[in-house]
C-alpha atoms as a PDB file:
ATOM      1  CA  UNK A   1      15.035   1.762 -26.375  1.00  0.00           C
ATOM      2  CA  UNK A   2      17.404   2.338 -29.297  1.00  0.00           C
ATOM      3  CA  UNK A   3      18.774  -1.183 -28.828  1.00  0.00           C
ATOM      4  CA  UNK A   4      15.301  -2.718 -29.070  1.00  0.00           C
ATOM      5  CA  UNK A   5      14.488  -0.662 -32.172  1.00  0.00           C
ATOM      6  CA  UNK A   6      17.860  -1.602 -33.688  1.00  0.00           C
ATOM      7  CA  UNK A   7      17.203  -5.298 -33.101  1.00  0.00           C
ATOM      8  CA  UNK A   8      13.701  -5.013 -34.597  1.00  0.00           C
ATOM      9  CA  UNK A   9      15.086  -3.173 -37.635  1.00  0.00           C
ATOM     10  CA  UNK A  10      17.596  -5.986 -38.300  1.00  0.00           C
ATOM     11  CA  UNK A  11      14.853  -8.674 -38.385  1.00  0.00           C
ATOM     12  CA  UNK A  12      14.487  -9.003 -42.150  1.00  0.00           C
ATOM     13  CA  UNK A  13      17.364  -6.892 -43.426  1.00  0.00           C
ATOM     14  CA  UNK A  14      19.257  -8.727 -46.208  1.00  0.00           C
ATOM     15  CA  UNK A  15      22.543  -7.195 -44.981  1.00  0.00           C
ATOM     16  CA  UNK A  16      22.077  -8.641 -41.513  1.00  0.00           C
ATOM     17  CA  UNK A  17      24.827 -10.925 -40.276  1.00  0.00           C
ATOM     18  CA  UNK A  18      24.762 -13.384 -37.385  1.00  0.00           C
ATOM     19  CA  UNK A  19      27.205 -11.155 -35.533  1.00  0.00           C
ATOM     20  CA  UNK A  20      24.746  -8.233 -35.772  1.00  0.00           C
ATOM     21  CA  UNK A  21      22.054 -10.290 -34.042  1.00  0.00           C
ATOM     22  CA  UNK A  22      24.513 -11.501 -31.382  1.00  0.00           C
ATOM     23  CA  UNK A  23      25.671  -7.927 -30.746  1.00  0.00           C
ATOM     24  CA  UNK A  24      22.100  -6.656 -30.393  1.00  0.00           C
ATOM     25  CA  UNK A  25      21.190  -9.546 -28.071  1.00  0.00           C
ATOM     26  CA  UNK A  26      24.309  -8.906 -25.956  1.00  0.00           C
ATOM     27  CA  UNK A  27      23.312  -5.252 -25.635  1.00  0.00           C
ATOM     28  CA  UNK A  28      19.756  -6.158 -24.581  1.00  0.00           C
ATOM     29  CA  UNK A  29      20.960  -8.727 -22.036  1.00  0.00           C
ATOM     30  CA  UNK A  30      23.475  -6.235 -20.629  1.00  0.00           C
ATOM     31  CA  UNK A  31      20.780  -3.558 -20.328  1.00  0.00           C
ATOM     32  CA  UNK A  32      18.442  -5.978 -18.547  1.00  0.00           C
ATOM     33  CA  UNK A  33      21.206  -7.065 -16.146  1.00  0.00           C
ATOM     34  CA  UNK A  34      22.167  -3.457 -15.400  1.00  0.00           C
ATOM     35  CA  UNK A  35      18.542  -2.515 -14.736  1.00  0.00           C
ATOM     36  CA  UNK A  36      17.701  -5.600 -12.637  1.00  0.00           C
ATOM     37  CA  UNK A  37      20.821  -7.211 -11.182  1.00  0.00           C
ATOM     38  CA  UNK A  38      22.850  -4.086 -10.344  1.00  0.00           C
ATOM     39  CA  UNK A  39      20.164  -2.594  -8.044  1.00  0.00           C
ATOM     40  CA  UNK A  40      19.629  -6.017  -6.420  1.00  0.00           C
ATOM     41  CA  UNK A  41      23.372  -6.374  -5.793  1.00  0.00           C
ATOM     42  CA  UNK A  42      23.480  -2.848  -4.372  1.00  0.00           C
ATOM     43  CA  UNK A  43      20.518  -3.529  -2.084  1.00  0.00           C
ATOM     44  CA  UNK A  44      21.985  -6.824  -0.851  1.00  0.00           C
ATOM     45  CA  UNK A  45      25.432  -5.326  -0.213  1.00  0.00           C
ATOM     46  CA  UNK A  46      23.981  -2.278   1.506  1.00  0.00           C
ATOM     47  CA  UNK A  47      21.770  -4.440   3.727  1.00  0.00           C
ATOM     48  CA  UNK A  48      24.653  -6.702   4.737  1.00  0.00           C
ATOM     49  CA  UNK A  49      26.928  -3.721   5.393  1.00  0.00           C
ATOM     50  CA  UNK A  50      24.222  -1.996   7.429  1.00  0.00           C
ATOM     51  CA  UNK A  51      23.691  -5.088   9.586  1.00  0.00           C
ATOM     52  CA  UNK A  52      27.436  -5.466  10.216  1.00  0.00           C
ATOM     53  CA  UNK A  53      27.888  -1.768  10.989  1.00  0.00           C
ATOM     54  CA  UNK A  54      24.905  -1.667  13.362  1.00  0.00           C
ATOM     55  CA  UNK A  55      26.306  -4.688  15.243  1.00  0.00           C
ATOM     56  CA  UNK A  56      29.726  -2.980  15.414  1.00  0.00           C
ATOM     57  CA  UNK A  57      28.092   0.220  16.703  1.00  0.00           C
ATOM     58  CA  UNK A  58      26.260  -1.724  19.446  1.00  0.00           C
ATOM     59  CA  UNK A  59      29.484  -3.454  20.465  1.00  0.00           C
ATOM     60  CA  UNK A  60      31.383  -0.161  20.535  1.00  0.00           C
ATOM     61  CA  UNK A  61      28.680   1.505  22.637  1.00  0.00           C
ATOM     62  CA  UNK A  62      28.868  -1.380  25.095  1.00  0.00           C
ATOM     63  CA  UNK A  63      32.691  -1.253  25.299  1.00  0.00           C
ATOM     64  CA  UNK A  64      33.261   2.525  25.228  1.00  0.00           C
ATOM     65  CA  UNK A  65      32.210   4.928  27.935  1.00  0.00           C
ATOM     66  CA  UNK A  66      31.855   8.732  27.969  1.00  0.00           C
ATOM     67  CA  UNK A  67      33.950  10.276  30.727  1.00  0.00           C
ATOM     68  CA  UNK A  68      34.644  13.822  31.809  1.00  0.00           C
ATOM     69  CA  UNK A  69      38.259  15.036  31.568  1.00  0.00           C
ATOM     70  CA  UNK A  70      39.754  18.200  33.070  1.00  0.00           C
ATOM     71  CA  UNK A  71      42.288  20.296  31.149  1.00  0.00           C
ATOM     72  CA  UNK A  72      45.504  20.678  33.178  1.00  0.00           C
ATOM     73  CA  UNK A  73      47.631  22.428  30.589  1.00  0.00           C
ATOM     74  CA  UNK A  74      47.258  23.553  26.973  1.00  0.00           C
ATOM     75  CA  UNK A  75      50.111  22.199  24.868  1.00  0.00           C
ATOM     76  CA  UNK A  76      51.733  24.322  22.153  1.00  0.00           C
ATOM     77  CA  UNK A  77      50.716  23.813  18.532  1.00  0.00           C
ATOM     78  CA  UNK A  78      53.060  21.733  16.400  1.00  0.00           C
ATOM     79  CA  UNK A  79      55.011  23.648  13.749  1.00  0.00           C
ATOM     80  CA  UNK A  80      52.868  25.085  10.971  1.00  0.00           C
ATOM     81  CA  UNK A  81      52.482  22.710   8.043  1.00  0.00           C
ATOM     82  CA  UNK A  82      52.029  23.948   4.490  1.00  0.00           C
ATOM     83  CA  UNK A  83      49.544  21.150   3.752  1.00  0.00           C
ATOM     84  CA  UNK A  84      46.002  22.615   4.096  1.00  0.00           C
ATOM     85  CA  UNK A  85      44.466  19.285   5.166  1.00  0.00           C
ATOM     86  CA  UNK A  86      46.991  18.838   7.970  1.00  0.00           C
ATOM     87  CA  UNK A  87      46.570  22.461   9.034  1.00  0.00           C
ATOM     88  CA  UNK A  88      42.769  22.184   9.178  1.00  0.00           C
ATOM     89  CA  UNK A  89      42.998  18.943  11.174  1.00  0.00           C
ATOM     90  CA  UNK A  90      45.422  20.656  13.548  1.00  0.00           C
ATOM     91  CA  UNK A  91      43.121  23.641  14.007  1.00  0.00           C
ATOM     92  CA  UNK A  92      40.049  21.439  14.623  1.00  0.00           C
ATOM     93  CA  UNK A  93      41.568  19.977  17.831  1.00  0.00           C
ATOM     94  CA  UNK A  94      43.815  21.404  20.484  1.00  0.00           C
ATOM     95  CA  UNK A  95      46.295  19.134  22.256  1.00  0.00           C
ATOM     96  CA  UNK A  96      45.983  19.356  26.028  1.00  0.00           C
ATOM     97  CA  UNK A  97      47.333  17.606  29.080  1.00  0.00           C
ATOM     98  CA  UNK A  98      44.225  16.307  30.850  1.00  0.00           C
ATOM     99  CA  UNK A  99      43.165  14.227  33.834  1.00  0.00           C
ATOM    100  CA  UNK A 100      40.196  11.824  33.918  1.00  0.00           C
ATOM    101  CA  UNK A 101      38.790   8.904  35.850  1.00  0.00           C
ATOM    102  CA  UNK A 102      38.064   5.581  34.147  1.00  0.00           C
ATOM    103  CA  UNK A 103      34.830   3.593  34.537  1.00  0.00           C
ATOM    104  CA  UNK A 104      36.653   1.261  36.938  1.00  0.00           C
ATOM    105  CA  UNK A 105      37.630   4.216  39.176  1.00  0.00           C
ATOM    106  CA  UNK A 106      41.272   4.358  38.049  1.00  0.00           C
ATOM    107  CA  UNK A 107      42.832   7.814  37.644  1.00  0.00           C
ATOM    108  CA  UNK A 108      44.528   8.704  34.365  1.00  0.00           C
ATOM    109  CA  UNK A 109      46.510  11.599  32.956  1.00  0.00           C
ATOM    110  CA  UNK A 110      47.726  12.133  29.414  1.00  0.00           C
ATOM    111  CA  UNK A 111      47.659  14.104  26.195  1.00  0.00           C
ATOM    112  CA  UNK A 112      44.257  14.346  24.520  1.00  0.00           C
ATOM    113  CA  UNK A 113      42.620  16.302  21.755  1.00  0.00           C
ATOM    114  CA  UNK A 114      40.135  18.942  22.948  1.00  0.00           C
ATOM    115  CA  UNK A 115      38.063  21.600  21.198  1.00  0.00           C
ATOM    116  CA  UNK A 116      40.098  24.638  19.990  1.00  0.00           C
ATOM    117  CA  UNK A 117      38.980  26.973  22.806  1.00  0.00           C
ATOM    118  CA  UNK A 118      39.875  24.636  25.701  1.00  0.00           C
ATOM    119  CA  UNK A 119      41.467  26.399  28.713  1.00  0.00           C
ATOM    120  CA  UNK A 120      43.044  25.016  31.905  1.00  0.00           C
ATOM    121  CA  UNK A 121      40.398  23.877  34.375  1.00  0.00           C
ATOM    122  CA  UNK A 122      37.774  23.350  31.680  1.00  0.00           C
ATOM    123  CA  UNK A 123      36.011  20.004  31.463  1.00  0.00           C
ATOM    124  CA  UNK A 124      35.306  18.134  28.215  1.00  0.00           C
ATOM    125  CA  UNK A 125      34.038  14.696  27.244  1.00  0.00           C
ATOM    126  CA  UNK A 126      36.337  11.827  26.286  1.00  0.00           C
ATOM    127  CA  UNK A 127      35.605   8.203  25.422  1.00  0.00           C
ATOM    128  CA  UNK A 128      37.450   5.436  27.246  1.00  0.00           C
ATOM    129  CA  UNK A 129      37.475   1.661  27.356  1.00  0.00           C
ATOM    130  CA  UNK A 130      36.651  -0.355  30.480  1.00  0.00           C
ATOM    131  CA  UNK A 131      40.148   0.321  31.891  1.00  0.00           C
ATOM    132  CA  UNK A 132      40.071   4.094  31.303  1.00  0.00           C
ATOM    133  CA  UNK A 133      42.294   4.150  28.214  1.00  0.00           C
ATOM    134  CA  UNK A 134      41.241   6.776  25.630  1.00  0.00           C
ATOM    135  CA  UNK A 135      39.459   5.372  22.570  1.00  0.00           C
ATOM    136  CA  UNK A 136      37.612   6.862  19.621  1.00  0.00           C
ATOM    137  CA  UNK A 137      33.990   7.847  19.743  1.00  0.00           C
ATOM    138  CA  UNK A 138      31.671   4.897  19.016  1.00  0.00           C
ATOM    139  CA  UNK A 139      30.005   4.630  15.649  1.00  0.00           C
ATOM    140  CA  UNK A 140      26.538   6.187  15.604  1.00  0.00           C
ATOM    141  CA  UNK A 141      23.480   4.994  13.675  1.00  0.00           C
ATOM    142  CA  UNK A 142      23.554   7.836  11.133  1.00  0.00           C
ATOM    143  CA  UNK A 143      27.189   7.148  10.200  1.00  0.00           C
ATOM    144  CA  UNK A 144      26.473   3.407   9.934  1.00  0.00           C
ATOM    145  CA  UNK A 145      23.546   4.095   7.596  1.00  0.00           C
ATOM    146  CA  UNK A 146      25.628   6.473   5.461  1.00  0.00           C
ATOM    147  CA  UNK A 147      28.423   3.902   5.091  1.00  0.00           C
ATOM    148  CA  UNK A 148      25.889   1.186   4.224  1.00  0.00           C
ATOM    149  CA  UNK A 149      24.281   3.373   1.535  1.00  0.00           C
ATOM    150  CA  UNK A 150      27.701   4.129   0.045  1.00  0.00           C
ATOM    151  CA  UNK A 151      28.549   0.413   0.057  1.00  0.00           C
ATOM    152  CA  UNK A 152      25.289  -0.365  -1.765  1.00  0.00           C
ATOM    153  CA  UNK A 153      25.891   2.341  -4.371  1.00  0.00           C
ATOM    154  CA  UNK A 154      29.445   1.065  -4.874  1.00  0.00           C
ATOM    155  CA  UNK A 155      28.272  -2.526  -5.316  1.00  0.00           C
ATOM    156  CA  UNK A 156      25.580  -1.503  -7.813  1.00  0.00           C
ATOM    157  CA  UNK A 157      28.090   0.587  -9.759  1.00  0.00           C
ATOM    158  CA  UNK A 158      30.673  -2.206  -9.775  1.00  0.00           C
ATOM    159  CA  UNK A 159      28.058  -4.676 -11.030  1.00  0.00           C
ATOM    160  CA  UNK A 160      27.040  -2.315 -13.831  1.00  0.00           C
ATOM    161  CA  UNK A 161      30.690  -1.805 -14.822  1.00  0.00           C
ATOM    162  CA  UNK A 162      31.328  -5.575 -14.874  1.00  0.00           C
ATOM    163  CA  UNK A 163      28.252  -6.231 -17.018  1.00  0.00           C
ATOM    164  CA  UNK A 164      29.173  -3.465 -19.449  1.00  0.00           C
ATOM    165  CA  UNK A 165      32.760  -4.741 -19.552  1.00  0.00           C
ATOM    166  CA  UNK A 166      31.503  -8.217 -20.473  1.00  0.00           C
ATOM    167  CA  UNK A 167      29.311  -6.709 -23.211  1.00  0.00           C
ATOM    168  CA  UNK A 168      32.269  -4.751 -24.587  1.00  0.00           C
ATOM    169  CA  UNK A 169      34.366  -7.921 -24.610  1.00  0.00           C
ATOM    170  CA  UNK A 170      31.675  -9.711 -26.612  1.00  0.00           C
ATOM    171  CA  UNK A 171      31.492  -6.809 -29.092  1.00  0.00           C
ATOM    172  CA  UNK A 172      35.293  -6.754 -29.409  1.00  0.00           C
ATOM    173  CA  UNK A 173      35.339 -10.483 -30.192  1.00  0.00           C
ATOM    174  CA  UNK A 174      32.549 -10.005 -32.752  1.00  0.00           C
ATOM    175  CA  UNK A 175      34.451  -7.186 -34.443  1.00  0.00           C
ATOM    176  CA  UNK A 176      37.556  -9.347 -34.713  1.00  0.00           C
ATOM    177  CA  UNK A 177      35.440 -12.094 -36.268  1.00  0.00           C
ATOM    178  CA  UNK A 178      33.937  -9.614 -38.752  1.00  0.00           C
ATOM    179  CA  UNK A 179      37.386  -8.360 -39.753  1.00  0.00           C
ATOM    180  CA  UNK A 180      38.557 -11.936 -40.275  1.00  0.00           C
ATOM    181  CA  UNK A 181      35.507 -12.643 -42.453  1.00  0.00           C
ATOM    182  CA  UNK A 182      36.146  -9.476 -44.468  1.00  0.00           C
ATOM    183  CA  UNK A 183      39.775 -10.528 -45.026  1.00  0.00           C
ATOM    184  CA  UNK A 184      38.590 -13.915 -46.334  1.00  0.00           C
ATOM    185  CA  UNK A 185      36.030 -12.217 -48.602  1.00  0.00           C
ATOM    186  CA  UNK A 186      38.684  -9.857 -49.995  1.00  0.00           C
ATOM    187  CA  UNK A 187      40.995 -12.767 -50.712  1.00  0.00           C
ATOM    188  CA  UNK A 188      38.206 -14.572 -52.571  1.00  0.00           C
ATOM    189  CA  UNK A 189      37.511 -11.469 -54.649  1.00  0.00           C
ATOM    190  CA  UNK A 190      41.029 -11.707 -56.045  1.00  0.00           C
ATOM    191  CA  UNK A 191      43.445  -9.083 -57.301  1.00  0.00           C
ATOM    192  CA  UNK A 192      41.311  -8.097 -60.303  1.00  0.00           C
ATOM    193  CA  UNK A 193      38.283  -6.973 -58.299  1.00  0.00           C
ATOM    194  CA  UNK A 194      37.279  -3.436 -59.193  1.00  0.00           C
ATOM    195  CA  UNK A 195      39.285  -3.185 -62.451  1.00  0.00           C
ATOM    196  CA  UNK A 196      37.555  -2.487 -65.769  1.00  0.00           C
ATOM    197  CA  UNK A 197      36.902  -5.634 -67.897  1.00  0.00           C
ATOM    198  CA  UNK A 198      37.938  -7.866 -64.960  1.00  0.00           C
ATOM    199  CA  UNK A 199      35.151 -10.369 -65.870  1.00  0.00           C
ATOM    200  CA  UNK A 200      36.247 -10.864 -69.485  1.00  0.00           C
END
């Protein structure tokens, strides 16, 4: 709103320069682009990301299968790490030697991550591919939607930053032009400008 009022105020001001009008117009165009184009870019990016993530989730659900694994032996914890993120990740899963059967009927045995309270003989769920190899859990709809929303917000923010960067570049060029015009005006004024009796 201040930009619109500023542009209106400069309409008939005798001190108004062309660069003032260009600067005010650049600000208004940038504001309009940020208010209209940035949300549209965010919506488009979020929609495309959501479609791609939903397709990936469907493919993963088709290729990954939940299987039941049996804990054979609880493996010792790795040495304590001073990094809190590594320590919390270590405490969230317990490494166990487990046995499971793949979707094709093949028997498998290996080291897996189980919940912290897993004991020998306990059963827990694992995800495997068609051949029984352990894979990550497939992407669910809620996670896909969250990632798509974040992608849309990022695209809208990036668009707003680019528009504002272009506006700042225009203002910077205008300021350089103003300084050059002031230097020319000072040179025309001559060395005697401002001294008493300089006109006589």
